[in-house]
Amino acid sequence: MNILKNLPLTETTYYILLALRESGHGYAIMQKVEELSGGKVRIAAGTMYGALENLTKQKLIEVIPSEDPRRKVYQITEDGRTVLSMEVERLKYMIAVYEGREE
């Protein structure tokens, strides 16, 4: 899989992947995203479930077994971790360029 095609990440995707460093169901992910972003990013249910479906198709996240059959629980995959790390490095570089200290 060419993971470079997933970059750059949208802000929503970035925060979802960040939130899924710990597994969770949709509502918990929505809450974690809001917490991680300091309330700046709020994801509506429709947007969340569309994003989760797309990220699953891209194999950046996966559904894992859950004790509650009514809830799907997601976690980030190794490819998802790689893409998230690459995005963090891309953002760090952009900040370094802005600050005049290219790395």
N, C-alpha and C. Protein backbone atom coordinates (compact mmCIF):
# COMPACT_ATOMS: atom_id res chain seq x y z
N MET A 1 0.84 -1.18 0.00
CA MET A 1 0.00 0.00 0.00
C MET A 1 0.88 1.25 0.00
N ASN A 2 0.51 2.21 -0.80
CA ASN A 2 1.23 3.47 -0.85
C ASN A 2 0.63 4.42 0.18
N ILE A 3 1.26 4.47 1.36
CA ILE A 3 0.68 5.28 2.43
C ILE A 3 0.84 6.78 2.19
N LEU A 4 1.75 7.16 1.30
CA LEU A 4 1.93 8.58 1.00
C LEU A 4 0.68 9.20 0.39
N LYS A 5 -0.15 8.37 -0.25
CA LYS A 5 -1.36 8.92 -0.86
C LYS A 5 -2.34 9.41 0.20
N ASN A 6 -2.14 9.04 1.46
CA ASN A 6 -3.02 9.46 2.55
C ASN A 6 -2.62 10.81 3.14
N LEU A 7 -1.50 11.36 2.68
CA LEU A 7 -1.02 12.63 3.22
C LEU A 7 -1.27 13.77 2.25
N PRO A 8 -1.46 14.97 2.72
CA PRO A 8 -1.59 15.37 4.11
C PRO A 8 -2.95 14.95 4.66
N LEU A 9 -3.02 14.80 5.97
CA LEU A 9 -4.27 14.44 6.62
C LEU A 9 -5.15 15.67 6.81
N THR A 10 -6.45 15.46 6.77
CA THR A 10 -7.35 16.54 7.17
C THR A 10 -7.26 16.66 8.69
N GLU A 11 -7.70 17.77 9.20
CA GLU A 11 -7.66 17.96 10.66
C GLU A 11 -8.50 16.90 11.37
N THR A 12 -9.66 16.60 10.80
CA THR A 12 -10.53 15.58 11.39
C THR A 12 -9.85 14.22 11.42
N THR A 13 -9.27 13.82 10.30
CA THR A 13 -8.58 12.52 10.24
C THR A 13 -7.41 12.48 11.20
N TYR A 14 -6.65 13.55 11.26
CA TYR A 14 -5.51 13.62 12.19
C TYR A 14 -5.98 13.35 13.62
N TYR A 15 -7.01 14.05 14.05
CA TYR A 15 -7.47 13.88 15.43
C TYR A 15 -8.10 12.52 15.68
N ILE A 16 -8.78 11.94 14.68
CA ILE A 16 -9.34 10.60 14.86
C ILE A 16 -8.22 9.59 15.05
N LEU A 17 -7.20 9.66 14.20
CA LEU A 17 -6.07 8.73 14.34
C LEU A 17 -5.37 8.94 15.69
N LEU A 18 -5.21 10.18 16.07
CA LEU A 18 -4.59 10.49 17.36
C LEU A 18 -5.43 9.91 18.50
N ALA A 19 -6.74 10.06 18.42
CA ALA A 19 -7.62 9.54 19.46
C ALA A 19 -7.58 8.02 19.52
N LEU A 20 -7.38 7.38 18.37
CA LEU A 20 -7.42 5.92 18.32
C LEU A 20 -6.09 5.26 18.67
N ARG A 21 -5.16 6.01 19.23
CA ARG A 21 -3.99 5.36 19.81
C ARG A 21 -4.46 4.48 20.97
N GLU A 22 -5.64 4.80 21.50
CA GLU A 22 -6.35 3.94 22.46
C GLU A 22 -7.66 3.56 21.79
N SER A 23 -8.02 2.30 21.81
CA SER A 23 -9.24 1.86 21.13
C SER A 23 -10.48 2.54 21.71
N GLY A 24 -11.51 2.66 20.87
CA GLY A 24 -12.74 3.28 21.34
C GLY A 24 -13.85 3.15 20.33
N HIS A 25 -15.07 3.38 20.79
CA HIS A 25 -16.23 3.39 19.90
C HIS A 25 -16.49 4.82 19.43
N GLY A 26 -17.40 4.96 18.49
CA GLY A 26 -17.63 6.25 17.84
C GLY A 26 -17.84 7.42 18.77
N TYR A 27 -18.73 7.29 19.73
CA TYR A 27 -19.02 8.40 20.63
C TYR A 27 -17.79 8.76 21.47
N ALA A 28 -17.09 7.74 21.95
CA ALA A 28 -15.88 7.99 22.74
C ALA A 28 -14.82 8.70 21.90
N ILE A 29 -14.73 8.34 20.62
CA ILE A 29 -13.77 9.00 19.72
C ILE A 29 -14.15 10.46 19.56
N MET A 30 -15.44 10.73 19.38
CA MET A 30 -15.90 12.12 19.24
C MET A 30 -15.50 12.94 20.47
N GLN A 31 -15.69 12.38 21.65
CA GLN A 31 -15.33 13.07 22.89
C GLN A 31 -13.82 13.29 23.00
N LYS A 32 -13.05 12.26 22.63
CA LYS A 32 -11.58 12.35 22.72
C LYS A 32 -11.05 13.40 21.75
N VAL A 33 -11.62 13.47 20.54
CA VAL A 33 -11.19 14.47 19.56
C VAL A 33 -11.43 15.87 20.11
N GLU A 34 -12.59 16.08 20.69
CA GLU A 34 -12.89 17.39 21.26
C GLU A 34 -11.92 17.73 22.39
N GLU A 35 -11.62 16.73 23.22
CA GLU A 35 -10.67 16.93 24.33
C GLU A 35 -9.27 17.23 23.81
N LEU A 36 -8.79 16.43 22.87
CA LEU A 36 -7.43 16.62 22.33
C LEU A 36 -7.26 17.97 21.64
N SER A 37 -8.32 18.44 21.00
CA SER A 37 -8.24 19.70 20.25
C SER A 37 -8.57 20.90 21.12
N GLY A 38 -8.77 20.70 22.40
CA GLY A 38 -9.12 21.81 23.28
C GLY A 38 -10.47 22.42 22.92
N GLY A 39 -11.37 21.58 22.39
CA GLY A 39 -12.71 22.04 22.02
C GLY A 39 -12.79 22.70 20.66
N LYS A 40 -11.68 22.78 19.94
CA LYS A 40 -11.67 23.46 18.64
C LYS A 40 -12.23 22.59 17.52
N VAL A 41 -12.18 21.27 17.69
CA VAL A 41 -12.70 20.36 16.67
C VAL A 41 -13.81 19.53 17.30
N ARG A 42 -14.99 19.69 16.73
CA ARG A 42 -16.15 18.90 17.16
C ARG A 42 -16.66 18.18 15.92
N ILE A 43 -16.77 16.88 16.03
CA ILE A 43 -17.18 16.08 14.88
C ILE A 43 -18.62 15.62 15.08
N ALA A 44 -19.46 15.91 14.09
CA ALA A 44 -20.85 15.45 14.12
C ALA A 44 -20.88 13.95 13.86
N ALA A 45 -21.93 13.29 14.32
CA ALA A 45 -22.04 11.83 14.18
C ALA A 45 -21.91 11.37 12.74
N GLY A 46 -22.60 12.02 11.83
CA GLY A 46 -22.53 11.63 10.42
C GLY A 46 -21.13 11.73 9.86
N THR A 47 -20.45 12.80 10.18
CA THR A 47 -19.07 12.99 9.74
C THR A 47 -18.17 11.93 10.35
N MET A 48 -18.37 11.64 11.62
CA MET A 48 -17.56 10.65 12.33
C MET A 48 -17.68 9.28 11.67
N TYR A 49 -18.90 8.83 11.46
CA TYR A 49 -19.08 7.48 10.95
C TYR A 49 -18.63 7.36 9.49
N GLY A 50 -18.77 8.43 8.71
CA GLY A 50 -18.23 8.44 7.35
C GLY A 50 -16.71 8.35 7.36
N ALA A 51 -16.10 9.10 8.27
CA ALA A 51 -14.63 9.09 8.39
C ALA A 51 -14.14 7.73 8.86
N LEU A 52 -14.84 7.13 9.83
CA LEU A 52 -14.43 5.81 10.31
C LEU A 52 -14.52 4.76 9.21
N GLU A 53 -15.56 4.85 8.40
CA GLU A 53 -15.71 3.92 7.28
C GLU A 53 -14.56 4.09 6.28
N ASN A 54 -14.24 5.34 5.94
CA ASN A 54 -13.15 5.60 5.00
C ASN A 54 -11.80 5.14 5.55
N LEU A 55 -11.54 5.44 6.81
CA LEU A 55 -10.27 5.04 7.42
C LEU A 55 -10.15 3.53 7.52
N THR A 56 -11.27 2.84 7.71
CA THR A 56 -11.26 1.37 7.73
C THR A 56 -10.94 0.84 6.33
N LYS A 57 -11.56 1.42 5.30
CA LYS A 57 -11.28 1.00 3.92
C LYS A 57 -9.82 1.24 3.56
N GLN A 58 -9.23 2.32 4.07
CA GLN A 58 -7.83 2.65 3.80
C GLN A 58 -6.87 1.82 4.66
N LYS A 59 -7.43 1.02 5.56
CA LYS A 59 -6.67 0.15 6.47
C LYS A 59 -5.80 0.94 7.46
N LEU A 60 -6.25 2.16 7.78
CA LEU A 60 -5.54 2.97 8.77
C LEU A 60 -6.09 2.70 10.17
N ILE A 61 -7.34 2.20 10.23
CA ILE A 61 -7.93 1.75 11.48
C ILE A 61 -8.62 0.42 11.21
N GLU A 62 -8.97 -0.27 12.29
CA GLU A 62 -9.66 -1.55 12.14
C GLU A 62 -10.67 -1.71 13.27
N VAL A 63 -11.69 -2.53 12.99
CA VAL A 63 -12.68 -2.87 14.01
C VAL A 63 -12.12 -4.03 14.81
N ILE A 64 -12.25 -3.95 16.12
CA ILE A 64 -11.77 -5.03 16.99
C ILE A 64 -12.96 -5.61 17.76
N PRO A 65 -12.82 -6.83 18.25
CA PRO A 65 -13.92 -7.46 19.00
C PRO A 65 -14.33 -6.60 20.20
N SER A 66 -15.63 -6.60 20.47
CA SER A 66 -16.18 -5.81 21.56
C SER A 66 -17.10 -6.68 22.40
N GLU A 67 -17.16 -6.37 23.68
CA GLU A 67 -18.08 -7.09 24.57
C GLU A 67 -19.52 -6.66 24.33
N ASP A 68 -19.72 -5.48 23.75
CA ASP A 68 -21.06 -4.97 23.47
C ASP A 68 -21.32 -5.08 21.96
N PRO A 69 -22.15 -6.03 21.55
CA PRO A 69 -22.38 -6.25 20.12
C PRO A 69 -23.06 -5.07 19.42
N ARG A 70 -23.59 -4.13 20.17
CA ARG A 70 -24.24 -2.96 19.56
C ARG A 70 -23.25 -1.87 19.19
N ARG A 71 -22.03 -1.97 19.67
CA ARG A 71 -21.02 -0.93 19.41
C ARG A 71 -19.82 -1.52 18.70
N LYS A 72 -19.39 -0.81 17.65
CA LYS A 72 -18.13 -1.17 17.00
C LYS A 72 -17.01 -0.44 17.73
N VAL A 73 -15.95 -1.16 18.00
CA VAL A 73 -14.79 -0.57 18.65
C VAL A 73 -13.66 -0.55 17.62
N TYR A 74 -12.98 0.57 17.54
CA TYR A 74 -11.93 0.78 16.53
C TYR A 74 -10.58 0.95 17.22
N GLN A 75 -9.53 0.63 16.47
CA GLN A 75 -8.17 0.93 16.90
C GLN A 75 -7.34 1.27 15.67
N ILE A 76 -6.28 2.01 15.89
CA ILE A 76 -5.38 2.38 14.80
C ILE A 76 -4.53 1.16 14.41
N THR A 77 -4.22 1.03 13.12
CA THR A 77 -3.37 -0.05 12.63
C THR A 77 -1.92 0.43 12.56
N GLU A 78 -1.02 -0.48 12.24
CA GLU A 78 0.39 -0.09 12.06
C GLU A 78 0.52 0.93 10.93
N ASP A 79 -0.19 0.71 9.81
CA ASP A 79 -0.17 1.69 8.73
C ASP A 79 -0.71 3.03 9.20
N GLY A 80 -1.74 3.00 10.03
CA GLY A 80 -2.30 4.23 10.58
C GLY A 80 -1.29 4.96 11.45
N ARG A 81 -0.55 4.20 12.25
CA ARG A 81 0.50 4.80 13.10
C ARG A 81 1.60 5.42 12.24
N THR A 82 1.95 4.74 11.16
CA THR A 82 2.98 5.26 10.25
C THR A 82 2.52 6.56 9.61
N VAL A 83 1.29 6.58 9.12
CA VAL A 83 0.74 7.78 8.49
C VAL A 83 0.67 8.93 9.50
N LEU A 84 0.24 8.63 10.72
CA LEU A 84 0.16 9.66 11.76
C LEU A 84 1.55 10.21 12.07
N SER A 85 2.54 9.36 12.19
CA SER A 85 3.92 9.82 12.45
C SER A 85 4.44 10.67 11.31
N MET A 86 4.16 10.25 10.09
CA MET A 86 4.61 11.02 8.93
C MET A 86 3.95 12.40 8.90
N GLU A 87 2.69 12.46 9.28
CA GLU A 87 1.99 13.75 9.32
C GLU A 87 2.58 14.64 10.40
N VAL A 88 2.91 14.09 11.55
CA VAL A 88 3.51 14.88 12.63
C VAL A 88 4.86 15.44 12.15
N GLU A 89 5.65 14.63 11.49
CA GLU A 89 6.95 15.10 10.96
C GLU A 89 6.75 16.19 9.91
N ARG A 90 5.74 16.04 9.06
CA ARG A 90 5.44 17.04 8.04
C ARG A 90 5.07 18.37 8.70
N LEU A 91 4.25 18.30 9.74
CA LEU A 91 3.84 19.51 10.45
C LEU A 91 5.01 20.17 11.17
N LYS A 92 5.87 19.35 11.79
CA LYS A 92 7.06 19.89 12.46
C LYS A 92 7.95 20.62 11.46
N TYR A 93 8.11 20.04 10.28
CA TYR A 93 8.94 20.68 9.26
C TYR A 93 8.34 22.02 8.83
N MET A 94 7.03 22.05 8.66
CA MET A 94 6.37 23.30 8.26
C MET A 94 6.58 24.39 9.31
N ILE A 95 6.51 24.00 10.58
CA ILE A 95 6.73 24.97 11.66
C ILE A 95 8.18 25.43 11.65
N ALA A 96 9.11 24.50 11.44
CA ALA A 96 10.53 24.86 11.40
C ALA A 96 10.81 25.84 10.26
N VAL A 97 10.20 25.62 9.12
CA VAL A 97 10.38 26.54 7.98
C VAL A 97 9.83 27.92 8.35
N TYR A 98 8.66 27.94 8.95
CA TYR A 98 8.06 29.19 9.37
C TYR A 98 8.97 29.95 10.34
N GLU A 99 9.57 29.22 11.24
CA GLU A 99 10.43 29.84 12.24
C GLU A 99 11.85 30.08 11.73
N GLY A 100 12.10 29.72 10.49
CA GLY A 100 13.39 29.98 9.88
C GLY A 100 14.49 29.04 10.33
N ARG A 101 14.13 27.85 10.75
CA ARG A 101 15.15 26.89 11.20
C ARG A 101 14.89 25.53 10.57
N GLU A 102 14.99 25.47 9.27
CA GLU A 102 14.77 24.21 8.55
C GLU A 102 15.62 23.10 9.14
N GLU A 103 14.98 21.95 9.29
CA GLU A 103 15.67 20.80 9.87
C GLU A 103 15.96 19.77 8.80
